[in-house]
N, C-alpha and C. Protein backbone atom coordinates (compact mmCIF):
# COMPACT_ATOMS: atom_id res chain seq x y z
N MET A 1 -54.11 2.43 -27.86
CA MET A 1 -54.00 2.08 -26.46
C MET A 1 -55.38 1.59 -25.99
N ASN A 2 -55.43 0.38 -25.41
CA ASN A 2 -56.71 -0.10 -24.91
C ASN A 2 -57.01 0.48 -23.54
N ILE A 3 -58.22 0.24 -23.05
CA ILE A 3 -58.68 0.86 -21.80
C ILE A 3 -57.84 0.44 -20.60
N LYS A 4 -57.40 -0.82 -20.56
CA LYS A 4 -56.56 -1.28 -19.44
C LYS A 4 -55.23 -0.54 -19.41
N ASN A 5 -54.61 -0.43 -20.57
CA ASN A 5 -53.34 0.31 -20.65
C ASN A 5 -53.53 1.79 -20.31
N PHE A 6 -54.65 2.35 -20.76
CA PHE A 6 -54.94 3.75 -20.45
C PHE A 6 -55.00 3.95 -18.93
N PHE A 7 -55.81 3.12 -18.26
CA PHE A 7 -55.95 3.28 -16.81
C PHE A 7 -54.65 3.00 -16.07
N PHE A 8 -53.84 2.06 -16.57
CA PHE A 8 -52.56 1.80 -15.92
C PHE A 8 -51.61 2.98 -16.12
N THR A 9 -51.46 3.42 -17.35
CA THR A 9 -50.50 4.48 -17.67
C THR A 9 -50.84 5.79 -16.96
N TYR A 10 -52.13 6.10 -16.89
CA TYR A 10 -52.56 7.38 -16.33
C TYR A 10 -53.22 7.23 -14.96
N ARG A 11 -52.89 6.15 -14.22
CA ARG A 11 -53.55 5.88 -12.93
C ARG A 11 -53.34 6.98 -11.90
N SER A 12 -52.31 7.78 -12.06
CA SER A 12 -52.10 8.91 -11.13
C SER A 12 -53.02 10.08 -11.45
N TYR A 13 -53.54 10.10 -12.68
CA TYR A 13 -54.35 11.24 -13.12
C TYR A 13 -55.84 10.92 -13.25
N THR A 14 -56.19 9.67 -13.47
CA THR A 14 -57.60 9.33 -13.68
C THR A 14 -58.49 9.66 -12.48
N PRO A 15 -58.00 9.67 -11.24
CA PRO A 15 -58.88 10.06 -10.13
C PRO A 15 -59.13 11.57 -10.01
N ILE A 16 -58.49 12.39 -10.84
CA ILE A 16 -58.66 13.85 -10.73
C ILE A 16 -60.12 14.27 -10.86
N PRO A 17 -60.88 13.76 -11.86
CA PRO A 17 -62.31 14.14 -11.90
C PRO A 17 -63.07 13.74 -10.64
N LEU A 18 -62.72 12.59 -10.07
CA LEU A 18 -63.35 12.16 -8.82
C LEU A 18 -62.99 13.13 -7.69
N ALA A 19 -61.74 13.52 -7.60
CA ALA A 19 -61.31 14.48 -6.57
C ALA A 19 -62.04 15.81 -6.73
N LEU A 20 -62.22 16.24 -7.98
CA LEU A 20 -62.95 17.50 -8.23
C LEU A 20 -64.42 17.37 -7.83
N ALA A 21 -65.02 16.21 -8.07
CA ALA A 21 -66.41 15.99 -7.66
C ALA A 21 -66.52 15.98 -6.14
N ILE A 22 -65.58 15.34 -5.47
CA ILE A 22 -65.57 15.34 -4.00
C ILE A 22 -65.48 16.77 -3.49
N LEU A 23 -64.62 17.55 -4.09
CA LEU A 23 -64.45 18.94 -3.71
C LEU A 23 -65.71 19.75 -3.99
N TYR A 24 -66.27 19.61 -5.18
CA TYR A 24 -67.44 20.38 -5.58
C TYR A 24 -68.64 20.10 -4.66
N PHE A 25 -68.86 18.84 -4.34
CA PHE A 25 -70.02 18.46 -3.52
C PHE A 25 -69.73 18.46 -2.03
N SER A 26 -68.55 18.92 -1.63
CA SER A 26 -68.19 18.88 -0.21
C SER A 26 -69.05 19.84 0.61
N ASN A 27 -69.29 19.44 1.83
CA ASN A 27 -70.07 20.24 2.78
C ASN A 27 -69.65 19.82 4.18
N PHE A 28 -68.88 20.69 4.84
CA PHE A 28 -68.36 20.37 6.17
C PHE A 28 -69.45 20.04 7.18
N LYS A 29 -70.66 20.53 6.96
CA LYS A 29 -71.75 20.25 7.91
C LYS A 29 -72.02 18.76 8.01
N ASN A 30 -71.72 18.03 6.96
CA ASN A 30 -71.96 16.59 6.94
C ASN A 30 -70.65 15.79 6.96
N ALA A 31 -69.59 16.42 7.37
CA ALA A 31 -68.28 15.76 7.38
C ALA A 31 -68.14 14.81 8.56
N LEU A 32 -67.37 13.78 8.35
CA LEU A 32 -66.98 12.84 9.41
C LEU A 32 -65.46 12.92 9.51
N VAL A 33 -64.99 14.01 10.09
CA VAL A 33 -63.57 14.35 10.05
C VAL A 33 -62.69 13.31 10.76
N PHE A 34 -63.04 12.91 11.97
CA PHE A 34 -62.15 12.00 12.71
C PHE A 34 -62.07 10.61 12.08
N PRO A 35 -63.20 10.01 11.66
CA PRO A 35 -63.06 8.74 10.92
C PRO A 35 -62.29 8.94 9.61
N GLY A 36 -62.47 10.09 8.97
CA GLY A 36 -61.74 10.38 7.74
C GLY A 36 -60.25 10.48 7.98
N ILE A 37 -59.85 11.17 9.02
CA ILE A 37 -58.42 11.28 9.34
C ILE A 37 -57.83 9.91 9.66
N PHE A 38 -58.59 9.11 10.41
CA PHE A 38 -58.13 7.75 10.72
C PHE A 38 -57.87 6.96 9.45
N LEU A 39 -58.84 6.98 8.51
CA LEU A 39 -58.68 6.24 7.25
C LEU A 39 -57.57 6.81 6.39
N LEU A 40 -57.39 8.13 6.43
CA LEU A 40 -56.32 8.77 5.68
C LEU A 40 -54.95 8.29 6.18
N VAL A 41 -54.77 8.31 7.49
CA VAL A 41 -53.50 7.86 8.08
C VAL A 41 -53.29 6.37 7.81
N LEU A 42 -54.35 5.58 7.96
CA LEU A 42 -54.24 4.14 7.70
C LEU A 42 -53.89 3.88 6.24
N GLY A 43 -54.57 4.55 5.32
CA GLY A 43 -54.30 4.36 3.89
C GLY A 43 -52.88 4.73 3.52
N GLU A 44 -52.40 5.85 4.04
CA GLU A 44 -51.03 6.27 3.72
C GLU A 44 -50.01 5.37 4.41
N ALA A 45 -50.31 4.88 5.61
CA ALA A 45 -49.40 3.95 6.29
C ALA A 45 -49.27 2.65 5.49
N ILE A 46 -50.38 2.18 4.94
CA ILE A 46 -50.33 0.98 4.09
C ILE A 46 -49.48 1.26 2.86
N ARG A 47 -49.66 2.43 2.25
CA ARG A 47 -48.87 2.79 1.07
C ARG A 47 -47.38 2.85 1.42
N VAL A 48 -47.03 3.50 2.52
CA VAL A 48 -45.62 3.61 2.92
C VAL A 48 -45.04 2.22 3.16
N TRP A 49 -45.79 1.38 3.84
CA TRP A 49 -45.33 0.00 4.10
C TRP A 49 -45.09 -0.73 2.78
N ALA A 50 -46.03 -0.61 1.85
CA ALA A 50 -45.90 -1.29 0.56
C ALA A 50 -44.72 -0.74 -0.26
N VAL A 51 -44.59 0.58 -0.30
CA VAL A 51 -43.50 1.19 -1.07
C VAL A 51 -42.15 0.83 -0.45
N SER A 52 -42.10 0.66 0.86
CA SER A 52 -40.83 0.29 1.49
C SER A 52 -40.33 -1.07 1.01
N TYR A 53 -41.25 -1.93 0.55
CA TYR A 53 -40.85 -3.23 0.02
C TYR A 53 -40.73 -3.23 -1.50
N ALA A 54 -41.64 -2.56 -2.19
CA ALA A 54 -41.64 -2.59 -3.66
C ALA A 54 -40.74 -1.51 -4.25
N GLY A 55 -40.51 -0.44 -3.50
CA GLY A 55 -39.62 0.63 -3.97
C GLY A 55 -40.21 1.46 -5.09
N GLY A 56 -39.35 2.14 -5.80
CA GLY A 56 -39.75 3.04 -6.87
C GLY A 56 -40.33 2.34 -8.08
N ALA A 57 -40.26 1.02 -8.11
CA ALA A 57 -40.82 0.27 -9.24
C ALA A 57 -42.32 0.48 -9.35
N THR A 58 -42.94 0.94 -8.28
CA THR A 58 -44.39 1.18 -8.30
C THR A 58 -44.75 2.45 -9.05
N ARG A 59 -43.79 3.27 -9.38
CA ARG A 59 -44.03 4.56 -10.04
C ARG A 59 -43.89 4.50 -11.55
N THR A 60 -43.75 3.34 -12.11
CA THR A 60 -43.50 3.20 -13.54
C THR A 60 -44.79 3.31 -14.37
N THR A 61 -44.63 3.65 -15.62
CA THR A 61 -45.79 3.66 -16.53
C THR A 61 -45.73 2.44 -17.45
N LYS A 62 -44.77 1.55 -17.22
CA LYS A 62 -44.66 0.32 -17.99
C LYS A 62 -45.10 -0.84 -17.11
N VAL A 63 -45.95 -1.69 -17.66
CA VAL A 63 -46.45 -2.83 -16.91
C VAL A 63 -45.34 -3.84 -16.72
N GLY A 64 -45.15 -4.31 -15.49
CA GLY A 64 -44.13 -5.30 -15.20
C GLY A 64 -43.47 -4.98 -13.87
N ALA A 65 -42.44 -5.73 -13.55
CA ALA A 65 -41.72 -5.53 -12.30
C ALA A 65 -40.32 -6.11 -12.44
N PRO A 66 -39.33 -5.50 -11.78
CA PRO A 66 -37.97 -6.04 -11.86
C PRO A 66 -37.81 -7.33 -11.04
N TYR A 67 -38.69 -7.55 -10.06
CA TYR A 67 -38.66 -8.75 -9.23
C TYR A 67 -40.05 -8.96 -8.65
N LEU A 68 -40.30 -10.17 -8.20
CA LEU A 68 -41.59 -10.50 -7.60
C LEU A 68 -41.52 -10.22 -6.11
N CYS A 69 -42.24 -9.20 -5.67
CA CYS A 69 -42.23 -8.80 -4.27
C CYS A 69 -43.30 -9.60 -3.52
N VAL A 70 -42.88 -10.41 -2.55
CA VAL A 70 -43.82 -11.23 -1.78
C VAL A 70 -43.63 -11.04 -0.27
N SER A 71 -42.91 -9.98 0.12
CA SER A 71 -42.63 -9.72 1.53
C SER A 71 -43.47 -8.56 2.04
N GLY A 72 -43.43 -8.36 3.35
CA GLY A 72 -44.16 -7.24 3.95
C GLY A 72 -45.64 -7.34 3.66
N PRO A 73 -46.27 -6.25 3.24
CA PRO A 73 -47.70 -6.29 2.98
C PRO A 73 -48.05 -7.20 1.80
N TYR A 74 -47.09 -7.43 0.91
CA TYR A 74 -47.32 -8.29 -0.25
C TYR A 74 -47.41 -9.76 0.14
N SER A 75 -47.10 -10.09 1.38
CA SER A 75 -47.29 -11.47 1.86
C SER A 75 -48.72 -11.66 2.38
N ARG A 76 -49.46 -10.58 2.45
CA ARG A 76 -50.86 -10.64 2.91
C ARG A 76 -51.86 -10.36 1.80
N VAL A 77 -51.49 -9.47 0.88
CA VAL A 77 -52.39 -9.07 -0.20
C VAL A 77 -51.54 -8.65 -1.40
N ARG A 78 -52.03 -8.96 -2.61
CA ARG A 78 -51.21 -8.69 -3.80
C ARG A 78 -51.18 -7.21 -4.19
N ASN A 79 -52.15 -6.44 -3.77
CA ASN A 79 -52.26 -5.04 -4.22
C ASN A 79 -52.44 -4.07 -3.05
N PRO A 80 -51.50 -4.02 -2.12
CA PRO A 80 -51.68 -3.13 -0.96
C PRO A 80 -51.73 -1.65 -1.33
N LEU A 81 -51.03 -1.24 -2.38
CA LEU A 81 -51.07 0.17 -2.77
C LEU A 81 -52.48 0.59 -3.18
N TYR A 82 -53.19 -0.29 -3.85
CA TYR A 82 -54.54 0.04 -4.29
C TYR A 82 -55.49 0.12 -3.10
N ILE A 83 -55.28 -0.74 -2.13
CA ILE A 83 -56.09 -0.67 -0.90
C ILE A 83 -55.82 0.66 -0.20
N GLY A 84 -54.55 1.03 -0.10
CA GLY A 84 -54.21 2.32 0.50
C GLY A 84 -54.86 3.48 -0.22
N ASN A 85 -54.84 3.46 -1.55
CA ASN A 85 -55.47 4.52 -2.33
C ASN A 85 -56.97 4.60 -2.08
N MET A 86 -57.62 3.45 -2.04
CA MET A 86 -59.07 3.44 -1.82
C MET A 86 -59.40 4.00 -0.43
N LEU A 87 -58.58 3.67 0.55
CA LEU A 87 -58.80 4.22 1.90
C LEU A 87 -58.58 5.74 1.91
N ILE A 88 -57.58 6.21 1.20
CA ILE A 88 -57.29 7.65 1.15
C ILE A 88 -58.45 8.40 0.51
N TYR A 89 -58.96 7.90 -0.59
CA TYR A 89 -60.08 8.60 -1.24
C TYR A 89 -61.36 8.49 -0.43
N THR A 90 -61.56 7.38 0.26
CA THR A 90 -62.70 7.27 1.18
C THR A 90 -62.56 8.33 2.27
N ALA A 91 -61.34 8.51 2.75
CA ALA A 91 -61.07 9.53 3.77
C ALA A 91 -61.38 10.92 3.24
N PHE A 92 -60.99 11.21 2.01
CA PHE A 92 -61.30 12.52 1.42
C PHE A 92 -62.81 12.77 1.42
N VAL A 93 -63.58 11.76 1.05
CA VAL A 93 -65.05 11.92 1.04
C VAL A 93 -65.56 12.21 2.44
N LEU A 94 -65.08 11.48 3.43
CA LEU A 94 -65.55 11.67 4.81
C LEU A 94 -65.12 13.03 5.36
N ILE A 95 -63.89 13.43 5.08
CA ILE A 95 -63.39 14.72 5.59
C ILE A 95 -64.12 15.88 4.90
N ALA A 96 -64.35 15.75 3.61
CA ALA A 96 -65.03 16.81 2.85
C ALA A 96 -66.50 16.90 3.21
N GLY A 97 -67.10 15.76 3.52
CA GLY A 97 -68.54 15.74 3.76
C GLY A 97 -69.29 15.96 2.46
N SER A 98 -70.59 15.77 2.51
CA SER A 98 -71.43 15.97 1.33
C SER A 98 -72.88 15.86 1.76
N ASN A 99 -73.75 16.53 1.05
CA ASN A 99 -75.17 16.37 1.32
C ASN A 99 -75.62 14.96 0.94
N SER A 100 -74.86 14.32 0.06
CA SER A 100 -75.13 12.94 -0.37
C SER A 100 -73.89 12.09 -0.10
N LEU A 101 -73.54 11.96 1.17
CA LEU A 101 -72.30 11.29 1.56
C LEU A 101 -72.24 9.85 1.02
N TRP A 102 -73.33 9.10 1.14
CA TRP A 102 -73.32 7.71 0.67
C TRP A 102 -73.20 7.64 -0.85
N THR A 103 -73.77 8.60 -1.54
CA THR A 103 -73.64 8.63 -3.00
C THR A 103 -72.19 8.89 -3.38
N MET A 104 -71.53 9.83 -2.70
CA MET A 104 -70.12 10.12 -3.00
C MET A 104 -69.24 8.93 -2.66
N LEU A 105 -69.51 8.27 -1.52
CA LEU A 105 -68.73 7.09 -1.16
C LEU A 105 -68.93 5.99 -2.20
N SER A 106 -70.17 5.78 -2.61
CA SER A 106 -70.46 4.74 -3.61
C SER A 106 -69.77 5.05 -4.93
N ALA A 107 -69.84 6.29 -5.37
CA ALA A 107 -69.19 6.68 -6.63
C ALA A 107 -67.68 6.46 -6.53
N THR A 108 -67.10 6.79 -5.39
CA THR A 108 -65.66 6.60 -5.18
C THR A 108 -65.30 5.13 -5.26
N TRP A 109 -66.04 4.29 -4.55
CA TRP A 109 -65.73 2.85 -4.54
C TRP A 109 -65.94 2.23 -5.92
N VAL A 110 -67.03 2.61 -6.61
CA VAL A 110 -67.28 2.07 -7.95
C VAL A 110 -66.14 2.47 -8.89
N PHE A 111 -65.74 3.75 -8.83
CA PHE A 111 -64.64 4.20 -9.69
C PHE A 111 -63.39 3.34 -9.48
N PHE A 112 -62.98 3.17 -8.21
CA PHE A 112 -61.75 2.44 -7.95
C PHE A 112 -61.88 0.94 -8.22
N VAL A 113 -63.04 0.36 -7.96
CA VAL A 113 -63.23 -1.06 -8.27
C VAL A 113 -63.09 -1.29 -9.78
N VAL A 114 -63.71 -0.43 -10.58
CA VAL A 114 -63.61 -0.57 -12.03
C VAL A 114 -62.16 -0.33 -12.48
N GLN A 115 -61.57 0.78 -12.04
CA GLN A 115 -60.19 1.08 -12.47
C GLN A 115 -59.23 -0.02 -12.05
N TYR A 116 -59.29 -0.43 -10.80
CA TYR A 116 -58.31 -1.41 -10.33
C TYR A 116 -58.56 -2.80 -10.89
N SER A 117 -59.82 -3.17 -11.19
CA SER A 117 -60.01 -4.48 -11.83
C SER A 117 -59.37 -4.50 -13.21
N LEU A 118 -59.48 -3.40 -13.93
CA LEU A 118 -58.84 -3.32 -15.25
C LEU A 118 -57.31 -3.37 -15.12
N ILE A 119 -56.78 -2.58 -14.21
CA ILE A 119 -55.33 -2.52 -14.03
C ILE A 119 -54.77 -3.85 -13.53
N ILE A 120 -55.44 -4.45 -12.54
CA ILE A 120 -54.95 -5.70 -11.97
C ILE A 120 -54.91 -6.81 -13.02
N SER A 121 -55.94 -6.88 -13.86
CA SER A 121 -55.93 -7.93 -14.90
C SER A 121 -54.76 -7.73 -15.87
N LEU A 122 -54.47 -6.48 -16.20
CA LEU A 122 -53.33 -6.18 -17.07
C LEU A 122 -52.01 -6.53 -16.39
N GLU A 123 -51.86 -6.11 -15.14
CA GLU A 123 -50.62 -6.38 -14.41
C GLU A 123 -50.40 -7.88 -14.22
N GLU A 124 -51.47 -8.60 -13.90
CA GLU A 124 -51.31 -10.03 -13.62
C GLU A 124 -50.90 -10.79 -14.88
N ARG A 125 -51.43 -10.39 -16.02
CA ARG A 125 -51.02 -11.04 -17.27
C ARG A 125 -49.51 -10.83 -17.49
N ALA A 126 -49.04 -9.60 -17.24
CA ALA A 126 -47.61 -9.31 -17.41
C ALA A 126 -46.76 -10.07 -16.39
N LEU A 127 -47.23 -10.15 -15.16
CA LEU A 127 -46.45 -10.82 -14.12
C LEU A 127 -46.38 -12.34 -14.34
N ILE A 128 -47.45 -12.90 -14.87
CA ILE A 128 -47.42 -14.33 -15.21
C ILE A 128 -46.38 -14.59 -16.29
N SER A 129 -46.33 -13.70 -17.28
CA SER A 129 -45.35 -13.91 -18.35
C SER A 129 -43.92 -13.69 -17.85
N LEU A 130 -43.75 -12.80 -16.87
CA LEU A 130 -42.40 -12.55 -16.33
C LEU A 130 -41.94 -13.60 -15.34
N PHE A 131 -42.85 -14.03 -14.45
CA PHE A 131 -42.43 -14.88 -13.33
C PHE A 131 -43.04 -16.28 -13.36
N GLY A 132 -43.89 -16.56 -14.34
CA GLY A 132 -44.42 -17.90 -14.56
C GLY A 132 -45.02 -18.56 -13.34
N GLU A 133 -44.55 -19.78 -13.07
CA GLU A 133 -45.11 -20.60 -11.99
C GLU A 133 -44.94 -19.96 -10.62
N ASN A 134 -43.87 -19.22 -10.41
CA ASN A 134 -43.70 -18.53 -9.12
C ASN A 134 -44.85 -17.56 -8.86
N TYR A 135 -45.28 -16.86 -9.90
CA TYR A 135 -46.40 -15.93 -9.74
C TYR A 135 -47.71 -16.69 -9.54
N ASN A 136 -47.89 -17.79 -10.25
CA ASN A 136 -49.10 -18.60 -10.06
C ASN A 136 -49.21 -19.12 -8.64
N ILE A 137 -48.10 -19.57 -8.08
CA ILE A 137 -48.08 -20.05 -6.69
C ILE A 137 -48.42 -18.90 -5.75
N TYR A 138 -47.84 -17.76 -6.00
CA TYR A 138 -48.13 -16.56 -5.20
C TYR A 138 -49.63 -16.24 -5.24
N CYS A 139 -50.21 -16.24 -6.43
CA CYS A 139 -51.64 -15.92 -6.59
C CYS A 139 -52.53 -16.93 -5.87
N LYS A 140 -52.11 -18.19 -5.82
CA LYS A 140 -52.90 -19.21 -5.13
C LYS A 140 -52.88 -19.02 -3.62
N ASN A 141 -51.86 -18.34 -3.12
CA ASN A 141 -51.69 -18.20 -1.68
C ASN A 141 -52.00 -16.81 -1.12
N VAL A 142 -52.00 -15.80 -1.99
CA VAL A 142 -52.21 -14.42 -1.52
C VAL A 142 -53.34 -13.80 -2.34
N PRO A 143 -54.40 -13.32 -1.67
CA PRO A 143 -55.54 -12.75 -2.39
C PRO A 143 -55.22 -11.38 -3.00
N PRO A 144 -55.99 -10.96 -4.02
CA PRO A 144 -55.70 -9.69 -4.69
C PRO A 144 -56.05 -8.45 -3.86
N LEU A 145 -57.16 -8.45 -3.12
CA LEU A 145 -57.57 -7.22 -2.43
C LEU A 145 -58.03 -7.40 -0.98
N LEU A 146 -58.45 -8.57 -0.60
CA LEU A 146 -58.86 -8.78 0.79
C LEU A 146 -57.72 -9.49 1.52
N PRO A 147 -57.02 -8.79 2.40
CA PRO A 147 -55.80 -9.34 3.00
C PRO A 147 -56.00 -10.61 3.80
N ARG A 148 -54.99 -11.45 3.76
CA ARG A 148 -54.92 -12.62 4.64
C ARG A 148 -54.71 -12.15 6.07
N ILE A 149 -55.17 -12.92 7.03
CA ILE A 149 -54.93 -12.59 8.43
C ILE A 149 -53.46 -12.81 8.76
N TYR A 150 -52.92 -13.94 8.32
CA TYR A 150 -51.53 -14.27 8.58
C TYR A 150 -50.74 -14.13 7.28
N PRO A 151 -49.52 -13.65 7.37
CA PRO A 151 -48.72 -13.52 6.14
C PRO A 151 -48.39 -14.88 5.53
N TRP A 152 -48.30 -14.89 4.22
CA TRP A 152 -47.85 -16.09 3.51
C TRP A 152 -46.36 -16.17 3.67
N ASN A 153 -45.89 -17.25 4.25
CA ASN A 153 -44.46 -17.41 4.49
C ASN A 153 -43.81 -18.06 3.29
N ARG A 154 -42.99 -17.32 2.67
CA ARG A 154 -42.24 -17.78 1.50
C ARG A 154 -40.79 -17.45 1.78
N ASP A 155 -39.91 -18.31 1.36
CA ASP A 155 -38.49 -18.02 1.56
C ASP A 155 -38.11 -16.78 0.78
N ASN A 156 -38.15 -15.65 1.46
CA ASN A 156 -37.79 -14.40 0.82
C ASN A 156 -37.20 -13.50 1.90
N SER A 157 -35.99 -13.16 1.73
CA SER A 157 -35.31 -12.35 2.74
C SER A 157 -35.36 -10.86 2.41
N SER A 158 -36.34 -10.46 1.62
CA SER A 158 -36.44 -9.05 1.22
C SER A 158 -36.66 -8.17 2.45
N GLU A 159 -35.88 -7.13 2.54
CA GLU A 159 -35.98 -6.19 3.66
C GLU A 159 -36.54 -4.87 3.15
N PRO A 160 -37.27 -4.17 3.99
CA PRO A 160 -37.80 -2.86 3.56
C PRO A 160 -36.68 -1.83 3.46
N THR A 161 -36.90 -0.85 2.59
CA THR A 161 -35.94 0.25 2.49
C THR A 161 -36.12 1.15 3.71
N PRO A 162 -35.11 1.93 4.06
CA PRO A 162 -35.23 2.83 5.20
C PRO A 162 -36.38 3.84 4.99
N LEU A 163 -36.96 4.29 6.09
CA LEU A 163 -38.12 5.17 6.05
C LEU A 163 -37.86 6.44 5.24
N ILE A 164 -36.71 7.07 5.42
CA ILE A 164 -36.40 8.32 4.71
C ILE A 164 -36.42 8.08 3.20
N GLN A 165 -35.81 7.00 2.75
CA GLN A 165 -35.80 6.68 1.32
C GLN A 165 -37.22 6.38 0.83
N THR A 166 -38.00 5.67 1.63
CA THR A 166 -39.39 5.36 1.27
C THR A 166 -40.20 6.64 1.14
N LEU A 167 -40.04 7.56 2.08
CA LEU A 167 -40.78 8.82 2.04
C LEU A 167 -40.40 9.66 0.82
N LYS A 168 -39.14 9.57 0.40
CA LYS A 168 -38.74 10.28 -0.82
C LYS A 168 -39.48 9.71 -2.03
N THR A 169 -39.62 8.40 -2.06
CA THR A 169 -40.36 7.76 -3.15
C THR A 169 -41.84 8.12 -3.08
N GLU A 170 -42.35 8.28 -1.88
CA GLU A 170 -43.78 8.54 -1.66
C GLU A 170 -44.10 10.03 -1.62
N LYS A 171 -43.10 10.86 -1.88
CA LYS A 171 -43.24 12.32 -1.75
C LYS A 171 -44.41 12.88 -2.55
N ARG A 172 -44.57 12.44 -3.79
CA ARG A 172 -45.64 12.98 -4.64
C ARG A 172 -47.03 12.67 -4.07
N THR A 173 -47.22 11.46 -3.55
CA THR A 173 -48.50 11.11 -2.94
C THR A 173 -48.77 11.97 -1.72
N LEU A 174 -47.76 12.15 -0.89
CA LEU A 174 -47.92 12.99 0.31
C LEU A 174 -48.26 14.43 -0.07
N GLN A 175 -47.60 14.96 -1.10
CA GLN A 175 -47.91 16.31 -1.56
C GLN A 175 -49.35 16.41 -2.06
N ASN A 176 -49.80 15.40 -2.79
CA ASN A 176 -51.17 15.40 -3.30
C ASN A 176 -52.20 15.33 -2.18
N ILE A 177 -51.91 14.56 -1.15
CA ILE A 177 -52.83 14.48 0.00
C ILE A 177 -52.96 15.85 0.65
N ILE A 178 -51.84 16.50 0.90
CA ILE A 178 -51.86 17.83 1.52
C ILE A 178 -52.61 18.82 0.62
N PHE A 179 -52.37 18.75 -0.68
CA PHE A 179 -53.03 19.66 -1.63
C PHE A 179 -54.55 19.46 -1.63
N VAL A 180 -55.00 18.22 -1.68
CA VAL A 180 -56.45 17.96 -1.68
C VAL A 180 -57.07 18.41 -0.36
N LEU A 181 -56.42 18.14 0.75
CA LEU A 181 -56.95 18.60 2.05
C LEU A 181 -57.02 20.12 2.09
N PHE A 182 -55.99 20.79 1.57
CA PHE A 182 -55.99 22.25 1.51
C PHE A 182 -57.17 22.76 0.69
N LEU A 183 -57.42 22.14 -0.46
CA LEU A 183 -58.55 22.56 -1.30
C LEU A 183 -59.89 22.33 -0.61
N ILE A 184 -60.02 21.24 0.11
CA ILE A 184 -61.27 20.96 0.83
C ILE A 184 -61.51 22.04 1.88
N VAL A 185 -60.49 22.35 2.66
CA VAL A 185 -60.63 23.39 3.69
C VAL A 185 -60.89 24.74 3.04
N LEU A 186 -60.15 25.08 2.00
CA LEU A 186 -60.32 26.36 1.31
C LEU A 186 -61.75 26.51 0.80
N LYS A 187 -62.26 25.48 0.16
CA LYS A 187 -63.61 25.55 -0.41
C LYS A 187 -64.66 25.70 0.69
N ASN A 188 -64.51 24.98 1.77
CA ASN A 188 -65.53 24.98 2.81
C ASN A 188 -65.43 26.12 3.81
N LYS A 189 -64.26 26.67 3.98
CA LYS A 189 -64.10 27.78 4.95
C LYS A 189 -64.20 29.15 4.29
N PHE A 190 -63.79 29.24 3.02
CA PHE A 190 -63.68 30.57 2.43
C PHE A 190 -64.53 30.78 1.19
N ILE A 191 -64.95 29.73 0.53
CA ILE A 191 -65.67 29.91 -0.71
C ILE A 191 -67.18 29.75 -0.53
N LEU A 192 -67.60 28.99 0.46
CA LEU A 192 -69.05 28.77 0.66
C LEU A 192 -69.82 30.03 0.89
C-alpha cells in the first residue's frame, strides 16, 4: 500500500495523533473558546451540507464515486468535506488553547495540507478514469480547496437528502466531536 492509499484508507484515524497532541498541550488559560466554537459549528455545517449532497459514498475506503457530485457545496469547491475537517480541527486547537497556540495551529494545518494533498491527488486520478471529460470540465470550473464566490451552474438536478438522513450518515463525526470536546474539558478542568 503506498502512502496515498494509506492516508485515504485510514483518513478517519490518521488525525488521532494530532488530536492527542492538541489534548496533551491544551491549556484553557490560552483558549479562544468563542472563535473556536464558531469555527466548529461552521466546519460541521459545511460537512453536513456536503454529506447531504454526496451521501454515504463519502464514508468508503475505496477510491471512487458512484456519480459525479457537482451540486450544493460541490458547485463551489471540489473538497468541502476536507475544508470542514480543517475548520473543525482548527476549532479544537482554539477551544483547547495551548502555551504555543500558533505552533499547534501550524502543526494542524501542515498535517491536513500534507494529508489532503496526497488524498486529493489519488481521488482525482480515480475520478478522471471514472468520469473522463466531465470531471476535467468540472476541475476547470471548480477549485479544489478555495471556494468560488458564485456556484458553478451545471445542468444537475441533484437534490440534498433530508436532514435526518444526513445526520445519520454524519453520526460518527458528531460523536467524535463531542468526545474530543469532552476530553479537552476533562483534561483542563480535572486533570491539571
